[in-house]
Amino acid sequence: MSTYHYPAITERVRAMYTDFFVFGILLTVSTSYLSSVPEEQYHLTLSIFLAILVLYEPLFTSIFGGTIGHLTNGIRVRSEKNEDKNLIFPLAVVRFIFKITLGWISLLSTGSNEKNKTFHDIIAQSVVIFKEKKKDSKDLVQKEKSDETYGIIDN
């Protein structure tokens, strides 16, 4: 039995739109910067920028457990084998490649399985979870008892 909740498609799409916003800012800033780069350095600078765009998701997923969109929306990408661990970089790259290749089609499998996994999650052996673990019923009973002990009233 898992100790995490799994976000529905709405939370995942919200995270995706947050990432689109981040990319929009990156594109605006980088376009301004690239226009001021001398012509002989333009190709190097453009290559570095493109590498950052391509590596953004796999790096953030493997290091921080998700992109800025995931992090700000309270969800994380984890290894299906151990939901307490981030996805390793090679699998994060595989996940990203299939996510980009399949696009919205990948989201069609969400809701058809217990963990709301997309096609790219299934392929990369990843799972998207809410940051907070499920509350155990024993934890809730203990909290209620401690609240009663200290006279805490929650309305």
C-alpha atoms as a PDB file:
ATOM      1  CA  MET A   1       0.000   0.000   0.000  1.00  0.00           C
ATOM      2  CA  SER A   2       1.341   3.389  -0.998  1.00  0.00           C
ATOM      3  CA  THR A   3       1.835   6.227   1.442  1.00  0.00           C
ATOM      4  CA  TYR A   4       1.243   8.917  -1.203  1.00  0.00           C
ATOM      5  CA  HIS A   5      -1.691  10.420  -3.064  1.00  0.00           C
ATOM      6  CA  TYR A   6      -1.470  10.624  -6.852  1.00  0.00           C
ATOM      7  CA  PRO A   7      -2.475  13.834  -8.616  1.00  0.00           C
ATOM      8  CA  ALA A   8      -5.183  13.840 -11.239  1.00  0.00           C
ATOM      9  CA  ILE A   9      -4.697  15.193 -14.727  1.00  0.00           C
ATOM     10  CA  THR A  10      -5.765  18.703 -13.628  1.00  0.00           C
ATOM     11  CA  GLU A  11      -2.831  19.117 -11.230  1.00  0.00           C
ATOM     12  CA  ARG A  12      -0.416  17.803 -13.829  1.00  0.00           C
ATOM     13  CA  VAL A  13      -1.734  20.164 -16.497  1.00  0.00           C
ATOM     14  CA  ARG A  14      -1.506  23.067 -14.027  1.00  0.00           C
ATOM     15  CA  ALA A  15       2.172  22.209 -13.477  1.00  0.00           C
ATOM     16  CA  MET A  16       2.685  22.054 -17.246  1.00  0.00           C
ATOM     17  CA  TYR A  17       1.196  25.531 -17.714  1.00  0.00           C
ATOM     18  CA  THR A  18       3.443  26.858 -14.951  1.00  0.00           C
ATOM     19  CA  ASP A  19       6.417  25.446 -16.873  1.00  0.00           C
ATOM     20  CA  PHE A  20       5.139  27.080 -20.081  1.00  0.00           C
ATOM     21  CA  PHE A  21       5.139  30.401 -18.214  1.00  0.00           C
ATOM     22  CA  VAL A  22       8.716  29.776 -17.000  1.00  0.00           C
ATOM     23  CA  PHE A  23       9.767  28.933 -20.580  1.00  0.00           C
ATOM     24  CA  GLY A  24       8.114  32.113 -21.814  1.00  0.00           C
ATOM     25  CA  ILE A  25      10.207  34.155 -19.409  1.00  0.00           C
ATOM     26  CA  LEU A  26      13.358  32.213 -20.372  1.00  0.00           C
ATOM     27  CA  LEU A  27      12.668  32.763 -24.062  1.00  0.00           C
ATOM     28  CA  THR A  28      12.055  36.476 -23.578  1.00  0.00           C
ATOM     29  CA  VAL A  29      15.230  36.972 -21.547  1.00  0.00           C
ATOM     30  CA  SER A  30      17.355  34.779 -23.811  1.00  0.00           C
ATOM     31  CA  THR A  31      16.074  36.438 -26.978  1.00  0.00           C
ATOM     32  CA  SER A  32      17.044  39.823 -25.576  1.00  0.00           C
ATOM     33  CA  TYR A  33      20.450  38.468 -24.609  1.00  0.00           C
ATOM     34  CA  LEU A  34      21.054  36.662 -27.919  1.00  0.00           C
ATOM     35  CA  SER A  35      20.356  39.839 -29.862  1.00  0.00           C
ATOM     36  CA  SER A  36      23.284  41.520 -28.096  1.00  0.00           C
ATOM     37  CA  VAL A  37      25.792  38.659 -28.606  1.00  0.00           C
ATOM     38  CA  PRO A  38      28.519  39.241 -31.217  1.00  0.00           C
ATOM     39  CA  GLU A  39      27.937  37.227 -34.387  1.00  0.00           C
ATOM     40  CA  GLU A  40      31.009  35.006 -33.877  1.00  0.00           C
ATOM     41  CA  GLN A  41      29.671  33.849 -30.469  1.00  0.00           C
ATOM     42  CA  TYR A  42      26.033  33.525 -31.532  1.00  0.00           C
ATOM     43  CA  HIS A  43      26.112  29.799 -32.429  1.00  0.00           C
ATOM     44  CA  LEU A  44      27.848  28.838 -29.171  1.00  0.00           C
ATOM     45  CA  THR A  45      25.423  30.894 -27.112  1.00  0.00           C
ATOM     46  CA  LEU A  46      22.425  29.490 -28.997  1.00  0.00           C
ATOM     47  CA  SER A  47      23.735  25.934 -28.491  1.00  0.00           C
ATOM     48  CA  ILE A  48      24.094  26.499 -24.751  1.00  0.00           C
ATOM     49  CA  PHE A  49      20.582  27.938 -24.556  1.00  0.00           C
ATOM     50  CA  LEU A  50      19.087  24.999 -26.480  1.00  0.00           C
ATOM     51  CA  ALA A  51      20.947  22.539 -24.249  1.00  0.00           C
ATOM     52  CA  ILE A  52      19.450  24.238 -21.185  1.00  0.00           C
ATOM     53  CA  LEU A  53      15.946  23.988 -22.669  1.00  0.00           C
ATOM     54  CA  VAL A  54      16.385  20.297 -23.479  1.00  0.00           C
ATOM     55  CA  LEU A  55      18.024  19.402 -20.151  1.00  0.00           C
ATOM     56  CA  TYR A  56      15.758  21.545 -17.934  1.00  0.00           C
ATOM     57  CA  GLU A  57      13.151  18.887 -17.240  1.00  0.00           C
ATOM     58  CA  PRO A  58      15.439  15.822 -16.866  1.00  0.00           C
ATOM     59  CA  LEU A  59      17.884  17.704 -14.619  1.00  0.00           C
ATOM     60  CA  PHE A  60      15.233  19.258 -12.383  1.00  0.00           C
ATOM     61  CA  THR A  61      13.345  15.960 -12.206  1.00  0.00           C
ATOM     62  CA  SER A  62      16.396  13.938 -11.189  1.00  0.00           C
ATOM     63  CA  ILE A  63      17.876  16.545  -8.810  1.00  0.00           C
ATOM     64  CA  PHE A  64      14.834  18.263  -7.264  1.00  0.00           C
ATOM     65  CA  GLY A  65      12.062  15.754  -7.918  1.00  0.00           C
ATOM     66  CA  GLY A  66      10.331  17.836 -10.564  1.00  0.00           C
ATOM     67  CA  THR A  67      10.309  20.972 -12.663  1.00  0.00           C
ATOM     68  CA  ILE A  68       9.469  24.420 -11.323  1.00  0.00           C
ATOM     69  CA  GLY A  69       5.866  23.689 -12.354  1.00  0.00           C
ATOM     70  CA  HIS A  70       5.829  20.474 -10.331  1.00  0.00           C
ATOM     71  CA  LEU A  71       7.501  22.049  -7.311  1.00  0.00           C
ATOM     72  CA  THR A  72       5.223  25.103  -7.151  1.00  0.00           C
ATOM     73  CA  ASN A  73       2.110  22.940  -7.514  1.00  0.00           C
ATOM     74  CA  GLY A  74       3.078  20.525  -4.726  1.00  0.00           C
ATOM     75  CA  ILE A  75       3.726  17.470  -6.870  1.00  0.00           C
ATOM     76  CA  ARG A  76       6.890  15.441  -7.401  1.00  0.00           C
ATOM     77  CA  VAL A  77       8.159  12.919  -9.956  1.00  0.00           C
ATOM     78  CA  ARG A  78       9.568   9.821  -8.280  1.00  0.00           C
ATOM     79  CA  SER A  79      10.825   6.368  -9.091  1.00  0.00           C
ATOM     80  CA  GLU A  80       8.019   3.836  -9.147  1.00  0.00           C
ATOM     81  CA  LYS A  81      10.292   1.306  -7.428  1.00  0.00           C
ATOM     82  CA  ASN A  82      10.844   3.657  -4.463  1.00  0.00           C
ATOM     83  CA  GLU A  83       8.456   6.595  -4.231  1.00  0.00           C
ATOM     84  CA  ASP A  84      10.716   8.295  -1.685  1.00  0.00           C
ATOM     85  CA  LYS A  85      13.502   8.668  -4.285  1.00  0.00           C
ATOM     86  CA  ASN A  86      13.796  10.959  -7.280  1.00  0.00           C
ATOM     87  CA  LEU A  87      13.915   9.455 -10.738  1.00  0.00           C
ATOM     88  CA  ILE A  88      17.500   8.829 -11.885  1.00  0.00           C
ATOM     89  CA  PHE A  89      18.785  11.065 -14.692  1.00  0.00           C
ATOM     90  CA  PRO A  90      18.805   8.475 -17.525  1.00  0.00           C
ATOM     91  CA  LEU A  91      15.166   7.558 -16.810  1.00  0.00           C
ATOM     92  CA  ALA A  92      14.288  11.262 -16.509  1.00  0.00           C
ATOM     93  CA  VAL A  93      15.709  11.736 -20.028  1.00  0.00           C
ATOM     94  CA  VAL A  94      13.671   8.771 -21.339  1.00  0.00           C
ATOM     95  CA  ARG A  95      10.562  10.183 -19.639  1.00  0.00           C
ATOM     96  CA  PHE A  96      11.153  13.617 -21.211  1.00  0.00           C
ATOM     97  CA  ILE A  97      11.734  12.191 -24.706  1.00  0.00           C
ATOM     98  CA  PHE A  98       8.483  10.203 -24.622  1.00  0.00           C
ATOM     99  CA  LYS A  99       6.589  13.092 -23.029  1.00  0.00           C
ATOM    100  CA  ILE A 100       7.649  15.421 -25.855  1.00  0.00           C
ATOM    101  CA  THR A 101       7.146  12.773 -28.553  1.00  0.00           C
ATOM    102  CA  LEU A 102       3.689  11.679 -27.417  1.00  0.00           C
ATOM    103  CA  GLY A 103       2.475  15.115 -26.298  1.00  0.00           C
ATOM    104  CA  TRP A 104      -1.122  15.265 -25.069  1.00  0.00           C
ATOM    105  CA  ILE A 105      -1.690  11.655 -26.149  1.00  0.00           C
ATOM    106  CA  SER A 106       0.430  10.569 -23.183  1.00  0.00           C
ATOM    107  CA  LEU A 107      -2.144  12.043 -20.798  1.00  0.00           C
ATOM    108  CA  LEU A 108      -4.884   9.732 -22.083  1.00  0.00           C
ATOM    109  CA  SER A 109      -3.785   6.903 -19.797  1.00  0.00           C
ATOM    110  CA  THR A 110      -4.212   9.069 -16.680  1.00  0.00           C
ATOM    111  CA  GLY A 111      -7.141   7.755 -14.689  1.00  0.00           C
ATOM    112  CA  SER A 112      -6.977   4.315 -16.273  1.00  0.00           C
ATOM    113  CA  ASN A 113      -4.652   3.039 -13.569  1.00  0.00           C
ATOM    114  CA  GLU A 114      -4.436   3.221  -9.782  1.00  0.00           C
ATOM    115  CA  LYS A 115      -1.552   5.733  -9.692  1.00  0.00           C
ATOM    116  CA  ASN A 116      -2.814   8.001 -12.517  1.00  0.00           C
ATOM    117  CA  LYS A 117       0.293   7.227 -14.549  1.00  0.00           C
ATOM    118  CA  THR A 118       0.710   8.623 -18.054  1.00  0.00           C
ATOM    119  CA  PHE A 119       2.271   6.698 -20.934  1.00  0.00           C
ATOM    120  CA  HIS A 120       5.615   8.454 -20.378  1.00  0.00           C
ATOM    121  CA  ASP A 121       5.473   7.509 -16.671  1.00  0.00           C
ATOM    122  CA  ILE A 122       4.804   3.887 -17.546  1.00  0.00           C
ATOM    123  CA  ILE A 123       7.729   3.796 -19.995  1.00  0.00           C
ATOM    124  CA  ALA A 124      10.169   5.518 -17.591  1.00  0.00           C
ATOM    125  CA  GLN A 125       8.986   3.597 -14.510  1.00  0.00           C
ATOM    126  CA  SER A 126       8.114   6.874 -12.799  1.00  0.00           C
ATOM    127  CA  VAL A 127       5.160   8.046 -10.774  1.00  0.00           C
ATOM    128  CA  VAL A 128       3.904  11.543  -9.954  1.00  0.00           C
ATOM    129  CA  ILE A 129       2.906  12.050  -6.321  1.00  0.00           C
ATOM    130  CA  PHE A 130       1.721  14.832  -4.079  1.00  0.00           C
ATOM    131  CA  LYS A 131       4.581  16.123  -1.944  1.00  0.00           C
ATOM    132  CA  GLU A 132       2.816  15.291   1.318  1.00  0.00           C
ATOM    133  CA  LYS A 133       2.339  11.677   2.362  1.00  0.00           C
ATOM    134  CA  LYS A 134      -1.081  10.290   3.211  1.00  0.00           C
ATOM    135  CA  LYS A 135      -2.026  10.697   6.827  1.00  0.00           C
ATOM    136  CA  ASP A 136      -2.204   7.358   8.617  1.00  0.00           C
ATOM    137  CA  SER A 137      -5.411   6.851  10.598  1.00  0.00           C
ATOM    138  CA  LYS A 138      -3.267   6.284  13.725  1.00  0.00           C
ATOM    139  CA  ASP A 139      -1.602   9.677  13.145  1.00  0.00           C
ATOM    140  CA  LEU A 140      -4.990  11.389  12.906  1.00  0.00           C
ATOM    141  CA  VAL A 141      -6.246   9.742  16.129  1.00  0.00           C
ATOM    142  CA  GLN A 142      -3.013  10.740  17.894  1.00  0.00           C
ATOM    143  CA  LYS A 143      -3.354  14.347  16.663  1.00  0.00           C
ATOM    144  CA  GLU A 144      -6.971  14.518  17.875  1.00  0.00           C
ATOM    145  CA  LYS A 145      -5.922  13.225  21.307  1.00  0.00           C
ATOM    146  CA  SER A 146      -3.097  15.754  21.565  1.00  0.00           C
ATOM    147  CA  ASP A 147      -5.442  18.554  20.445  1.00  0.00           C
ATOM    148  CA  GLU A 148      -7.904  17.557  23.170  1.00  0.00           C
ATOM    149  CA  THR A 149      -5.101  17.432  25.747  1.00  0.00           C
ATOM    150  CA  TYR A 150      -4.007  20.969  24.957  1.00  0.00           C
ATOM    151  CA  GLY A 151      -7.525  22.330  24.437  1.00  0.00           C
ATOM    152  CA  ILE A 152      -6.994  23.104  20.763  1.00  0.00           C
ATOM    153  CA  ILE A 153     -10.268  23.660  18.955  1.00  0.00           C
ATOM    154  CA  ASP A 154     -10.266  23.443  15.167  1.00  0.00           C
ATOM    155  CA  ASN A 155     -13.285  25.104  13.535  1.00  0.00           C
END
